[in-house]
Amino acid sequence: MMGKEMDDFIIESYQKEEKMMILVFAQWCVNHELDPKALYLEAYPAQSENQSLKEAIDLTVPKEEAGEVPDETLLGVLTLFGNEDLAFIVTQEIEKRTKKQS
Protein backbone atom coordinates (compact mmCIF):
# COMPACT_ATOMS: atom_id res chain seq x y z
CA MET A 1 0.00 0.00 0.00
CA MET A 2 1.34 3.37 -0.95
CA GLY A 3 0.27 7.00 -0.60
CA LYS A 4 -3.45 7.48 -1.12
CA GLU A 5 -4.32 3.80 -0.53
CA MET A 6 -2.56 3.93 2.83
CA ASP A 7 -4.29 7.20 3.73
CA ASP A 8 -7.69 5.74 2.78
CA PHE A 9 -6.98 2.59 4.82
CA ILE A 10 -5.99 4.62 7.89
CA ILE A 11 -9.06 6.87 7.60
CA GLU A 12 -11.39 3.90 7.13
CA SER A 13 -9.86 2.07 10.12
CA TYR A 14 -10.20 5.16 12.30
CA GLN A 15 -13.85 5.63 11.27
CA LYS A 16 -14.66 1.98 12.11
CA GLU A 17 -12.95 2.31 15.49
CA GLU A 18 -14.73 5.60 16.12
CA LYS A 19 -18.09 3.95 15.40
CA MET A 20 -17.18 1.17 17.85
CA MET A 21 -16.32 3.82 20.47
CA ILE A 22 -19.71 5.50 19.93
CA LEU A 23 -21.46 2.12 20.21
CA VAL A 24 -19.64 1.39 23.49
CA PHE A 25 -20.80 4.81 24.77
CA ALA A 26 -24.41 4.24 23.64
CA GLN A 27 -24.55 0.75 25.18
CA TRP A 28 -23.08 2.02 28.45
CA CYS A 29 -25.85 4.65 28.53
CA VAL A 30 -28.56 2.02 27.89
CA ASN A 31 -27.05 -0.21 30.59
CA HIS A 32 -27.30 2.66 33.10
CA GLU A 33 -30.73 3.87 31.92
CA LEU A 34 -29.31 7.11 30.51
CA ASP A 35 -30.17 8.80 27.22
CA PRO A 36 -27.08 8.65 24.97
CA LYS A 37 -28.35 11.46 22.75
CA ALA A 38 -28.97 13.78 25.72
CA LEU A 39 -25.53 13.12 27.21
CA TYR A 40 -23.84 13.56 23.84
CA LEU A 41 -25.68 16.87 23.31
CA GLU A 42 -24.61 18.03 26.76
CA ALA A 43 -20.98 17.47 25.75
CA TYR A 44 -21.32 18.69 22.16
CA PRO A 45 -24.29 21.12 21.88
CA ALA A 46 -23.42 22.02 18.28
CA GLN A 47 -23.72 18.40 17.07
CA SER A 48 -27.43 17.76 17.44
CA GLU A 49 -27.63 15.56 14.34
CA ASN A 50 -24.84 13.02 14.72
CA GLN A 51 -25.42 10.20 12.23
CA SER A 52 -22.88 7.86 13.86
CA LEU A 53 -24.62 8.26 17.21
CA LYS A 54 -28.03 7.52 15.64
CA GLU A 55 -26.61 4.37 14.02
CA ALA A 56 -24.98 3.30 17.28
CA ILE A 57 -28.22 3.78 19.23
CA ASP A 58 -29.98 1.54 16.68
CA LEU A 59 -27.38 -1.18 17.36
CA THR A 60 -27.72 -1.17 21.15
CA VAL A 61 -29.48 -4.03 22.91
CA PRO A 62 -31.62 -3.97 26.07
CA LYS A 63 -29.47 -3.90 29.19
CA GLU A 64 -30.71 -7.39 30.13
CA GLU A 65 -29.08 -8.74 26.93
CA ALA A 66 -25.98 -6.56 27.02
CA GLY A 67 -22.62 -7.37 28.47
CA GLU A 68 -21.19 -5.18 31.20
CA VAL A 69 -19.40 -2.06 29.95
CA PRO A 70 -17.05 -1.08 32.79
CA ASP A 71 -16.89 2.67 33.50
CA GLU A 72 -13.08 2.61 33.17
CA THR A 73 -13.29 0.97 29.73
CA LEU A 74 -15.68 3.62 28.43
CA LEU A 75 -13.61 6.48 29.86
CA GLY A 76 -10.43 4.97 28.39
CA VAL A 77 -11.96 4.65 24.93
CA LEU A 78 -13.39 8.18 25.00
CA THR A 79 -10.03 9.60 26.04
CA LEU A 80 -8.24 7.59 23.35
CA PHE A 81 -10.39 9.33 20.73
CA GLY A 82 -9.97 12.77 22.30
CA ASN A 83 -13.56 13.01 23.55
CA GLU A 84 -12.63 14.73 26.81
CA ASP A 85 -15.90 16.70 26.90
CA LEU A 86 -17.95 13.52 26.68
CA ALA A 87 -15.67 11.76 29.19
CA PHE A 88 -16.31 14.66 31.59
CA ILE A 89 -20.10 14.25 31.25
CA VAL A 90 -19.80 10.47 31.72
CA THR A 91 -17.66 11.01 34.84
CA GLN A 92 -20.39 13.28 36.27
CA GLU A 93 -22.98 10.54 35.65
CA ILE A 94 -20.75 7.93 37.33
CA GLU A 95 -20.39 10.24 40.35
CA LYS A 96 -24.20 10.74 40.53
CA ARG A 97 -24.71 6.96 40.42
CA THR A 98 -22.04 6.39 43.10
CA LYS A 99 -23.70 8.95 45.40
CA LYS A 100 -27.14 7.29 44.92
CA GLN A 101 -25.67 3.90 45.86
CA SER A 102 -24.12 5.13 49.12
PDB file of N, CA and C in Angstrom:
ATOM      1  N   MET A   1       0.853  -1.186   0.000  1.00  0.00           N
ATOM      2  CA  MET A   1       0.000   0.000   0.000  1.00  0.00           C
ATOM      3  C   MET A   1       0.892   1.239   0.000  1.00  0.00           C
ATOM      4  N   MET A   2       0.544   2.156  -0.854  1.00  0.00           N
ATOM      5  CA  MET A   2       1.335   3.374  -0.954  1.00  0.00           C
ATOM      6  C   MET A   2       0.416   4.589  -0.968  1.00  0.00           C
ATOM      7  N   GLY A   3       0.929   5.700  -0.482  1.00  0.00           N
ATOM      8  CA  GLY A   3       0.272   6.997  -0.603  1.00  0.00           C
ATOM      9  C   GLY A   3      -1.201   7.017  -0.284  1.00  0.00           C
ATOM     10  N   LYS A   4      -1.998   7.292  -1.300  1.00  0.00           N
ATOM     11  CA  LYS A   4      -3.446   7.478  -1.125  1.00  0.00           C
ATOM     12  C   LYS A   4      -4.116   6.223  -0.569  1.00  0.00           C
ATOM     13  N   GLU A   5      -3.721   5.052  -1.055  1.00  0.00           N
ATOM     14  CA  GLU A   5      -4.323   3.804  -0.534  1.00  0.00           C
ATOM     15  C   GLU A   5      -4.105   3.692   0.967  1.00  0.00           C
ATOM     16  N   MET A   6      -2.885   4.004   1.403  1.00  0.00           N
ATOM     17  CA  MET A   6      -2.563   3.927   2.828  1.00  0.00           C
ATOM     18  C   MET A   6      -3.385   4.958   3.605  1.00  0.00           C
ATOM     19  N   ASP A   7      -3.483   6.166   3.075  1.00  0.00           N
ATOM     20  CA  ASP A   7      -4.291   7.201   3.725  1.00  0.00           C
ATOM     21  C   ASP A   7      -5.742   6.750   3.857  1.00  0.00           C
ATOM     22  N   ASP A   8      -6.300   6.214   2.770  1.00  0.00           N
ATOM     23  CA  ASP A   8      -7.687   5.737   2.782  1.00  0.00           C
ATOM     24  C   ASP A   8      -7.876   4.630   3.809  1.00  0.00           C
ATOM     25  N   PHE A   9      -6.919   3.704   3.874  1.00  0.00           N
ATOM     26  CA  PHE A   9      -6.980   2.592   4.818  1.00  0.00           C
ATOM     27  C   PHE A   9      -6.979   3.114   6.256  1.00  0.00           C
ATOM     28  N   ILE A  10      -6.101   4.060   6.535  1.00  0.00           N
ATOM     29  CA  ILE A  10      -5.992   4.623   7.891  1.00  0.00           C
ATOM     30  C   ILE A  10      -7.291   5.341   8.261  1.00  0.00           C
ATOM     31  N   ILE A  11      -7.816   6.134   7.350  1.00  0.00           N
ATOM     32  CA  ILE A  11      -9.062   6.874   7.602  1.00  0.00           C
ATOM     33  C   ILE A  11     -10.221   5.906   7.847  1.00  0.00           C
ATOM     34  N   GLU A  12     -10.315   4.885   6.996  1.00  0.00           N
ATOM     35  CA  GLU A  12     -11.390   3.901   7.132  1.00  0.00           C
ATOM     36  C   GLU A  12     -11.280   3.154   8.464  1.00  0.00           C
ATOM     37  N   SER A  13     -10.069   2.767   8.845  1.00  0.00           N
ATOM     38  CA  SER A  13      -9.855   2.072  10.120  1.00  0.00           C
ATOM     39  C   SER A  13     -10.271   2.955  11.289  1.00  0.00           C
ATOM     40  N   TYR A  14      -9.867   4.221  11.230  1.00  0.00           N
ATOM     41  CA  TYR A  14     -10.204   5.156  12.299  1.00  0.00           C
ATOM     42  C   TYR A  14     -11.720   5.315  12.406  1.00  0.00           C
ATOM     43  N   GLN A  15     -12.392   5.453  11.252  1.00  0.00           N
ATOM     44  CA  GLN A  15     -13.848   5.627  11.265  1.00  0.00           C
ATOM     45  C   GLN A  15     -14.549   4.405  11.855  1.00  0.00           C
ATOM     46  N   LYS A  16     -14.064   3.205  11.533  1.00  0.00           N
ATOM     47  CA  LYS A  16     -14.661   1.985  12.108  1.00  0.00           C
ATOM     48  C   LYS A  16     -14.461   1.963  13.612  1.00  0.00           C
ATOM     49  N   GLU A  17     -13.242   2.309  14.055  1.00  0.00           N
ATOM     50  CA  GLU A  17     -12.950   2.315  15.490  1.00  0.00           C
ATOM     51  C   GLU A  17     -13.769   3.386  16.204  1.00  0.00           C
ATOM     52  N   GLU A  18     -13.933   4.530  15.533  1.00  0.00           N
ATOM     53  CA  GLU A  18     -14.725   5.603  16.121  1.00  0.00           C
ATOM     54  C   GLU A  18     -16.181   5.154  16.290  1.00  0.00           C
ATOM     55  N   LYS A  19     -16.712   4.451  15.294  1.00  0.00           N
ATOM     56  CA  LYS A  19     -18.093   3.946  15.399  1.00  0.00           C
ATOM     57  C   LYS A  19     -18.211   2.952  16.551  1.00  0.00           C
ATOM     58  N   MET A  20     -17.181   2.128  16.741  1.00  0.00           N
ATOM     59  CA  MET A  20     -17.183   1.171  17.849  1.00  0.00           C
ATOM     60  C   MET A  20     -17.168   1.926  19.188  1.00  0.00           C
ATOM     61  N   MET A  21     -16.383   3.007  19.257  1.00  0.00           N
ATOM     62  CA  MET A  21     -16.324   3.816  20.471  1.00  0.00           C
ATOM     63  C   MET A  21     -17.700   4.407  20.767  1.00  0.00           C
ATOM     64  N   ILE A  22     -18.378   4.907  19.744  1.00  0.00           N
ATOM     65  CA  ILE A  22     -19.706   5.501  19.926  1.00  0.00           C
ATOM     66  C   ILE A  22     -20.704   4.427  20.365  1.00  0.00           C
ATOM     67  N   LEU A  23     -20.578   3.227  19.809  1.00  0.00           N
ATOM     68  CA  LEU A  23     -21.456   2.123  20.206  1.00  0.00           C
ATOM     69  C   LEU A  23     -21.214   1.743  21.676  1.00  0.00           C
ATOM     70  N   VAL A  24     -19.962   1.699  22.092  1.00  0.00           N
ATOM     71  CA  VAL A  24     -19.636   1.390  23.494  1.00  0.00           C
ATOM     72  C   VAL A  24     -20.286   2.447  24.400  1.00  0.00           C
ATOM     73  N   PHE A  25     -20.177   3.713  24.004  1.00  0.00           N
ATOM     74  CA  PHE A  25     -20.800   4.805  24.772  1.00  0.00           C
ATOM     75  C   PHE A  25     -22.327   4.616  24.845  1.00  0.00           C
ATOM     76  N   ALA A  26     -22.949   4.378  23.687  1.00  0.00           N
ATOM     77  CA  ALA A  26     -24.410   4.244  23.637  1.00  0.00           C
ATOM     78  C   ALA A  26     -24.876   3.064  24.486  1.00  0.00           C
ATOM     79  N   GLN A  27     -24.159   1.930  24.399  1.00  0.00           N
ATOM     80  CA  GLN A  27     -24.553   0.752  25.176  1.00  0.00           C
ATOM     81  C   GLN A  27     -24.362   0.992  26.667  1.00  0.00           C
ATOM     82  N   TRP A  28     -23.296   1.677  27.038  1.00  0.00           N
ATOM     83  CA  TRP A  28     -23.075   2.024  28.447  1.00  0.00           C
ATOM     84  C   TRP A  28     -24.258   2.845  28.959  1.00  0.00           C
ATOM     85  N   CYS A  29     -24.695   3.814  28.144  1.00  0.00           N
ATOM     86  CA  CYS A  29     -25.846   4.648  28.533  1.00  0.00           C
ATOM     87  C   CYS A  29     -27.090   3.791  28.746  1.00  0.00           C
ATOM     88  N   VAL A  30     -27.387   2.906  27.781  1.00  0.00           N
ATOM     89  CA  VAL A  30     -28.557   2.016  27.892  1.00  0.00           C
ATOM     90  C   VAL A  30     -28.443   1.170  29.162  1.00  0.00           C
ATOM     91  N   ASN A  31     -27.254   0.637  29.418  1.00  0.00           N
ATOM     92  CA  ASN A  31     -27.045  -0.213  30.594  1.00  0.00           C
ATOM     93  C   ASN A  31     -27.315   0.535  31.902  1.00  0.00           C
ATOM     94  N   HIS A  32     -27.109   1.853  31.889  1.00  0.00           N
ATOM     95  CA  HIS A  32     -27.300   2.657  33.101  1.00  0.00           C
ATOM     96  C   HIS A  32     -28.551   3.534  33.022  1.00  0.00           C
ATOM     97  N   GLU A  33     -29.452   3.176  32.075  1.00  0.00           N
ATOM     98  CA  GLU A  33     -30.733   3.874  31.916  1.00  0.00           C
ATOM     99  C   GLU A  33     -30.552   5.375  31.715  1.00  0.00           C
ATOM    100  N   LEU A  34     -29.572   5.721  30.866  1.00  0.00           N
ATOM    101  CA  LEU A  34     -29.308   7.114  30.511  1.00  0.00           C
ATOM    102  C   LEU A  34     -29.581   7.289  29.022  1.00  0.00           C
ATOM    103  N   ASP A  35     -29.892   8.495  28.616  1.00  0.00           N
ATOM    104  CA  ASP A  35     -30.174   8.795  27.219  1.00  0.00           C
ATOM    105  C   ASP A  35     -28.872   9.197  26.517  1.00  0.00           C
ATOM    106  N   PRO A  36     -28.363   8.336  25.616  1.00  0.00           N
ATOM    107  CA  PRO A  36     -27.084   8.647  24.969  1.00  0.00           C
ATOM    108  C   PRO A  36     -27.119   9.961  24.181  1.00  0.00           C
ATOM    109  N   LYS A  37     -28.251  10.232  23.542  1.00  0.00           N
ATOM    110  CA  LYS A  37     -28.354  11.457  22.747  1.00  0.00           C
ATOM    111  C   LYS A  37     -28.278  12.695  23.650  1.00  0.00           C
ATOM    112  N   ALA A  38     -28.969  12.645  24.779  1.00  0.00           N
ATOM    113  CA  ALA A  38     -28.972  13.776  25.716  1.00  0.00           C
ATOM    114  C   ALA A  38     -27.573  14.023  26.278  1.00  0.00           C
ATOM    115  N   LEU A  39     -26.881  12.957  26.663  1.00  0.00           N
ATOM    116  CA  LEU A  39     -25.528  13.118  27.213  1.00  0.00           C
ATOM    117  C   LEU A  39     -24.580  13.649  26.145  1.00  0.00           C
ATOM    118  N   TYR A  40     -24.702  13.129  24.937  1.00  0.00           N
ATOM    119  CA  TYR A  40     -23.844  13.558  23.841  1.00  0.00           C
ATOM    120  C   TYR A  40     -24.068  15.047  23.560  1.00  0.00           C
ATOM    121  N   LEU A  41     -25.345  15.456  23.552  1.00  0.00           N
ATOM    122  CA  LEU A  41     -25.680  16.868  23.311  1.00  0.00           C
ATOM    123  C   LEU A  41     -25.156  17.776  24.414  1.00  0.00           C
ATOM    124  N   GLU A  42     -25.152  17.254  25.637  1.00  0.00           N
ATOM    125  CA  GLU A  42     -24.614  18.031  26.757  1.00  0.00           C
ATOM    126  C   GLU A  42     -23.124  18.314  26.528  1.00  0.00           C
ATOM    127  N   ALA A  43     -22.417  17.317  26.010  1.00  0.00           N
ATOM    128  CA  ALA A  43     -20.981  17.470  25.749  1.00  0.00           C
ATOM    129  C   ALA A  43     -20.717  18.285  24.489  1.00  0.00           C
ATOM    130  N   TYR A  44     -21.537  18.055  23.461  1.00  0.00           N
ATOM    131  CA  TYR A  44     -21.325  18.692  22.160  1.00  0.00           C
ATOM    132  C   TYR A  44     -22.620  19.334  21.661  1.00  0.00           C
ATOM    133  N   PRO A  45     -23.002  20.489  22.230  1.00  0.00           N
ATOM    134  CA  PRO A  45     -24.286  21.117  21.881  1.00  0.00           C
ATOM    135  C   PRO A  45     -24.432  21.450  20.395  1.00  0.00           C
ATOM    136  N   ALA A  46     -23.351  21.641  19.697  1.00  0.00           N
ATOM    137  CA  ALA A  46     -23.425  22.021  18.276  1.00  0.00           C
ATOM    138  C   ALA A  46     -23.668  20.819  17.357  1.00  0.00           C
ATOM    139  N   GLN A  47     -23.586  19.601  17.904  1.00  0.00           N
ATOM    140  CA  GLN A  47     -23.716  18.398  17.067  1.00  0.00           C
ATOM    141  C   GLN A  47     -25.033  17.678  17.324  1.00  0.00           C
ATOM    142  N   SER A  48     -26.134  18.368  17.115  1.00  0.00           N
ATOM    143  CA  SER A  48     -27.428  17.764  17.442  1.00  0.00           C
ATOM    144  C   SER A  48     -27.796  16.612  16.510  1.00  0.00           C
ATOM    145  N   GLU A  49     -27.306  16.634  15.287  1.00  0.00           N
ATOM    146  CA  GLU A  49     -27.629  15.561  14.339  1.00  0.00           C
ATOM    147  C   GLU A  49     -26.368  14.743  14.032  1.00  0.00           C
ATOM    148  N   ASN A  50     -26.018  13.854  14.937  1.00  0.00           N
ATOM    149  CA  ASN A  50     -24.835  13.024  14.722  1.00  0.00           C
ATOM    150  C   ASN A  50     -25.274  11.661  14.173  1.00  0.00           C
ATOM    151  N   GLN A  51     -24.988  11.432  12.893  1.00  0.00           N
ATOM    152  CA  GLN A  51     -25.421  10.197  12.226  1.00  0.00           C
ATOM    153  C   GLN A  51     -24.805   8.956  12.874  1.00  0.00           C
ATOM    154  N   SER A  52     -23.541   9.028  13.234  1.00  0.00           N
ATOM    155  CA  SER A  52     -22.880   7.863  13.859  1.00  0.00           C
ATOM    156  C   SER A  52     -23.538   7.507  15.185  1.00  0.00           C
ATOM    157  N   LEU A  53     -23.941   8.516  15.934  1.00  0.00           N
ATOM    158  CA  LEU A  53     -24.623   8.258  17.210  1.00  0.00           C
ATOM    159  C   LEU A  53     -25.982   7.609  16.965  1.00  0.00           C
ATOM    160  N   LYS A  54     -26.725   8.122  15.972  1.00  0.00           N
ATOM    161  CA  LYS A  54     -28.027   7.518  15.640  1.00  0.00           C
ATOM    162  C   LYS A  54     -27.857   6.048  15.272  1.00  0.00           C
ATOM    163  N   GLU A  55     -26.856   5.761  14.434  1.00  0.00           N
ATOM    164  CA  GLU A  55     -26.605   4.372  14.020  1.00  0.00           C
ATOM    165  C   GLU A  55     -26.227   3.515  15.218  1.00  0.00           C
ATOM    166  N   ALA A  56     -25.405   4.049  16.101  1.00  0.00           N
ATOM    167  CA  ALA A  56     -24.978   3.297  17.284  1.00  0.00           C
ATOM    168  C   ALA A  56     -26.166   2.993  18.194  1.00  0.00           C
ATOM    169  N   ILE A  57     -27.039   3.979  18.379  1.00  0.00           N
ATOM    170  CA  ILE A  57     -28.217   3.776  19.233  1.00  0.00           C
ATOM    171  C   ILE A  57     -29.087   2.657  18.659  1.00  0.00           C
ATOM    172  N   ASP A  58     -29.203   2.610  17.330  1.00  0.00           N
ATOM    173  CA  ASP A  58     -29.979   1.542  16.680  1.00  0.00           C
ATOM    174  C   ASP A  58     -29.366   0.163  16.918  1.00  0.00           C
ATOM    175  N   LEU A  59     -28.063   0.107  17.177  1.00  0.00           N
ATOM    176  CA  LEU A  59     -27.376  -1.176  17.365  1.00  0.00           C
ATOM    177  C   LEU A  59     -27.328  -1.632  18.820  1.00  0.00           C
ATOM    178  N   THR A  60     -27.762  -0.769  19.743  1.00  0.00           N
ATOM    179  CA  THR A  60     -27.722  -1.173  21.149  1.00  0.00           C
ATOM    180  C   THR A  60     -28.759  -2.251  21.423  1.00  0.00           C
ATOM    181  N   VAL A  61     -28.533  -2.997  22.489  1.00  0.00           N
ATOM    182  CA  VAL A  61     -29.483  -4.034  22.913  1.00  0.00           C
ATOM    183  C   VAL A  61     -29.979  -3.677  24.309  1.00  0.00           C
ATOM    184  N   PRO A  62     -31.135  -4.226  24.705  1.00  0.00           N
ATOM    185  CA  PRO A  62     -31.619  -3.966  26.069  1.00  0.00           C
ATOM    186  C   PRO A  62     -30.563  -4.372  27.100  1.00  0.00           C
ATOM    187  N   LYS A  63     -30.542  -3.657  28.220  1.00  0.00           N
ATOM    188  CA  LYS A  63     -29.471  -3.905  29.188  1.00  0.00           C
ATOM    189  C   LYS A  63     -29.470  -5.346  29.699  1.00  0.00           C
ATOM    190  N   GLU A  64     -30.640  -5.999  29.686  1.00  0.00           N
ATOM    191  CA  GLU A  64     -30.708  -7.392  30.130  1.00  0.00           C
ATOM    192  C   GLU A  64     -29.915  -8.318  29.193  1.00  0.00           C
ATOM    193  N   GLU A  65     -29.793  -7.917  27.916  1.00  0.00           N
ATOM    194  CA  GLU A  65     -29.082  -8.735  26.930  1.00  0.00           C
ATOM    195  C   GLU A  65     -27.627  -8.301  26.747  1.00  0.00           C
ATOM    196  N   ALA A  66     -27.308  -7.139  27.265  1.00  0.00           N
ATOM    197  CA  ALA A  66     -25.980  -6.563  27.019  1.00  0.00           C
ATOM    198  C   ALA A  66     -24.953  -7.075  28.006  1.00  0.00           C
ATOM    199  N   GLY A  67     -23.729  -7.086  27.562  1.00  0.00           N
ATOM    200  CA  GLY A  67     -22.625  -7.367  28.473  1.00  0.00           C
ATOM    201  C   GLY A  67     -22.316  -6.114  29.266  1.00  0.00           C
ATOM    202  N   GLU A  68     -21.626  -6.300  30.355  1.00  0.00           N
ATOM    203  CA  GLU A  68     -21.190  -5.184  31.196  1.00  0.00           C
ATOM    204  C   GLU A  68     -20.211  -4.311  30.413  1.00  0.00           C
ATOM    205  N   VAL A  69     -20.386  -3.000  30.503  1.00  0.00           N
ATOM    206  CA  VAL A  69     -19.401  -2.060  29.950  1.00  0.00           C
ATOM    207  C   VAL A  69     -18.822  -1.320  31.152  1.00  0.00           C
ATOM    208  N   PRO A  70     -17.631  -1.733  31.608  1.00  0.00           N
ATOM    209  CA  PRO A  70     -17.050  -1.076  32.789  1.00  0.00           C
ATOM    210  C   PRO A  70     -16.830   0.420  32.542  1.00  0.00           C
ATOM    211  N   ASP A  71     -17.068   1.222  33.592  1.00  0.00           N
ATOM    212  CA  ASP A  71     -16.891   2.669  33.495  1.00  0.00           C
ATOM    213  C   ASP A  71     -15.488   3.014  32.984  1.00  0.00           C
ATOM    214  N   GLU A  72     -14.478   2.321  33.527  1.00  0.00           N
ATOM    215  CA  GLU A  72     -13.084   2.609  33.171  1.00  0.00           C
ATOM    216  C   GLU A  72     -12.828   2.340  31.686  1.00  0.00           C
ATOM    217  N   THR A  73     -13.453   1.295  31.148  1.00  0.00           N
ATOM    218  CA  THR A  73     -13.290   0.967  29.731  1.00  0.00           C
ATOM    219  C   THR A  73     -13.841   2.093  28.872  1.00  0.00           C
ATOM    220  N   LEU A  74     -15.065   2.540  29.199  1.00  0.00           N
ATOM    221  CA  LEU A  74     -15.675   3.620  28.433  1.00  0.00           C
ATOM    222  C   LEU A  74     -14.819   4.884  28.508  1.00  0.00           C
ATOM    223  N   LEU A  75     -14.404   5.256  29.702  1.00  0.00           N
ATOM    224  CA  LEU A  75     -13.606   6.475  29.859  1.00  0.00           C
ATOM    225  C   LEU A  75     -12.282   6.366  29.101  1.00  0.00           C
ATOM    226  N   GLY A  76     -11.677   5.182  29.120  1.00  0.00           N
ATOM    227  CA  GLY A  76     -10.426   4.966  28.391  1.00  0.00           C
ATOM    228  C   GLY A  76     -10.600   5.137  26.895  1.00  0.00           C
ATOM    229  N   VAL A  77     -11.687   4.568  26.363  1.00  0.00           N
ATOM    230  CA  VAL A  77     -11.956   4.649  24.926  1.00  0.00           C
ATOM    231  C   VAL A  77     -12.270   6.087  24.521  1.00  0.00           C
ATOM    232  N   LEU A  78     -13.062   6.785  25.318  1.00  0.00           N
ATOM    233  CA  LEU A  78     -13.394   8.180  25.004  1.00  0.00           C
ATOM    234  C   LEU A  78     -12.133   9.045  24.986  1.00  0.00           C
ATOM    235  N   THR A  79     -11.272   8.828  25.961  1.00  0.00           N
ATOM    236  CA  THR A  79     -10.031   9.603  26.042  1.00  0.00           C
ATOM    237  C   THR A  79      -9.123   9.287  24.860  1.00  0.00           C
ATOM    238  N   LEU A  80      -9.057   8.020  24.489  1.00  0.00           N
ATOM    239  CA  LEU A  80      -8.241   7.592  23.353  1.00  0.00           C
ATOM    240  C   LEU A  80      -8.620   8.350  22.082  1.00  0.00           C
ATOM    241  N   PHE A  81      -9.915   8.623  21.914  1.00  0.00           N
ATOM    242  CA  PHE A  81     -10.389   9.329  20.728  1.00  0.00           C
ATOM    243  C   PHE A  81     -10.496  10.840  20.936  1.00  0.00           C
ATOM    244  N   GLY A  82      -9.983  11.333  22.060  1.00  0.00           N
ATOM    245  CA  GLY A  82      -9.970  12.773  22.300  1.00  0.00           C
ATOM    246  C   GLY A  82     -11.323  13.365  22.644  1.00  0.00           C
ATOM    247  N   ASN A  83     -12.225  12.535  23.166  1.00  0.00           N
ATOM    248  CA  ASN A  83     -13.562  13.010  23.546  1.00  0.00           C
ATOM    249  C   ASN A  83     -13.595  13.392  25.029  1.00  0.00           C
ATOM    250  N   GLU A  84     -12.717  14.329  25.405  1.00  0.00           N
ATOM    251  CA  GLU A  84     -12.626  14.729  26.814  1.00  0.00           C
ATOM    252  C   GLU A  84     -13.930  15.326  27.325  1.00  0.00           C
ATOM    253  N   ASP A  85     -14.636  16.084  26.462  1.00  0.00           N
ATOM    254  CA  ASP A  85     -15.899  16.702  26.896  1.00  0.00           C
ATOM    255  C   ASP A  85     -16.928  15.630  27.253  1.00  0.00           C
ATOM    256  N   LEU A  86     -17.007  14.600  26.419  1.00  0.00           N
ATOM    257  CA  LEU A  86     -17.951  13.515  26.679  1.00  0.00           C
ATOM    258  C   LEU A  86     -17.491  12.701  27.893  1.00  0.00           C
ATOM    259  N   ALA A  87     -16.200  12.484  28.023  1.00  0.00           N
ATOM    260  CA  ALA A  87     -15.668  11.760  29.192  1.00  0.00           C
ATOM    261  C   ALA A  87     -16.007  12.513  30.481  1.00  0.00           C
ATOM    262  N   PHE A  88     -15.972  13.839  30.433  1.00  0.00           N
ATOM    263  CA  PHE A  88     -16.311  14.659  31.594  1.00  0.00           C
ATOM    264  C   PHE A  88     -17.775  14.447  31.987  1.00  0.00           C
ATOM    265  N   ILE A  89     -18.668  14.459  31.003  1.00  0.00           N
ATOM    266  CA  ILE A  89     -20.104  14.254  31.251  1.00  0.00           C
ATOM    267  C   ILE A  89     -20.341  12.845  31.821  1.00  0.00           C
ATOM    268  N   VAL A  90     -19.677  11.855  31.237  1.00  0.00           N
ATOM    269  CA  VAL A  90     -19.801  10.470  31.716  1.00  0.00           C
ATOM    270  C   VAL A  90     -19.314  10.373  33.166  1.00  0.00           C
ATOM    271  N   THR A  91     -18.201  11.028  33.471  1.00  0.00           N
ATOM    272  CA  THR A  91     -17.659  11.015  34.840  1.00  0.00           C
ATOM    273  C   THR A  91     -18.674  11.606  35.814  1.00  0.00           C
ATOM    274  N   GLN A  92     -19.349  12.678  35.411  1.00  0.00           N
ATOM    275  CA  GLN A  92     -20.387  13.278  36.270  1.00  0.00           C
ATOM    276  C   GLN A  92     -21.509  12.274  36.534  1.00  0.00           C
ATOM    277  N   GLU A  93     -21.915  11.534  35.492  1.00  0.00           N
ATOM    278  CA  GLU A  93     -22.984  10.535  35.649  1.00  0.00           C
ATOM    279  C   GLU A  93     -22.540   9.400  36.577  1.00  0.00           C
ATOM    280  N   ILE A  94     -21.282   8.989  36.461  1.00  0.00           N
ATOM    281  CA  ILE A  94     -20.746   7.930  37.334  1.00  0.00           C
ATOM    282  C   ILE A  94     -20.770   8.415  38.784  1.00  0.00           C
ATOM    283  N   GLU A  95     -20.383   9.679  39.000  1.00  0.00           N
ATOM    284  CA  GLU A  95     -20.391  10.241  40.354  1.00  0.00           C
ATOM    285  C   GLU A  95     -21.805  10.310  40.921  1.00  0.00           C
ATOM    286  N   LYS A  96     -22.786  10.702  40.088  1.00  0.00           N
ATOM    287  CA  LYS A  96     -24.196  10.738  40.533  1.00  0.00           C
ATOM    288  C   LYS A  96     -24.645   9.346  40.959  1.00  0.00           C
ATOM    289  N   ARG A  97     -24.301   8.336  40.143  1.00  0.00           N
ATOM    290  CA  ARG A  97     -24.708   6.957  40.419  1.00  0.00           C
ATOM    291  C   ARG A  97     -24.050   6.472  41.721  1.00  0.00           C
ATOM    292  N   THR A  98     -22.783   6.809  41.900  1.00  0.00           N
ATOM    293  CA  THR A  98     -22.043   6.388  43.097  1.00  0.00           C
ATOM    294  C   THR A  98     -22.664   7.002  44.356  1.00  0.00           C
ATOM    295  N   LYS A  99     -23.066   8.277  44.255  1.00  0.00           N
ATOM    296  CA  LYS A  99     -23.703   8.948  45.403  1.00  0.00           C
ATOM    297  C   LYS A  99     -25.047   8.297  45.738  1.00  0.00           C
ATOM    298  N   LYS A 100     -25.832   7.932  44.703  1.00  0.00           N
ATOM    299  CA  LYS A 100     -27.137   7.288  44.919  1.00  0.00           C
ATOM    300  C   LYS A 100     -26.961   5.954  45.635  1.00  0.00           C
ATOM    301  N   GLN A 101     -25.877   5.237  45.308  1.00  0.00           N
ATOM    302  CA  GLN A 101     -25.667   3.902  45.857  1.00  0.00           C
ATOM    303  C   GLN A 101     -25.189   3.949  47.307  1.00  0.00           C
ATOM    304  N   SER A 102     -24.639   5.088  47.738  1.00  0.00           N
ATOM    305  CA  SER A 102     -24.115   5.130  49.120  1.00  0.00           C
ATOM    306  C   SER A 102     -25.128   5.620  50.123  1.00  0.00           C
TER     307      SER A 102
END
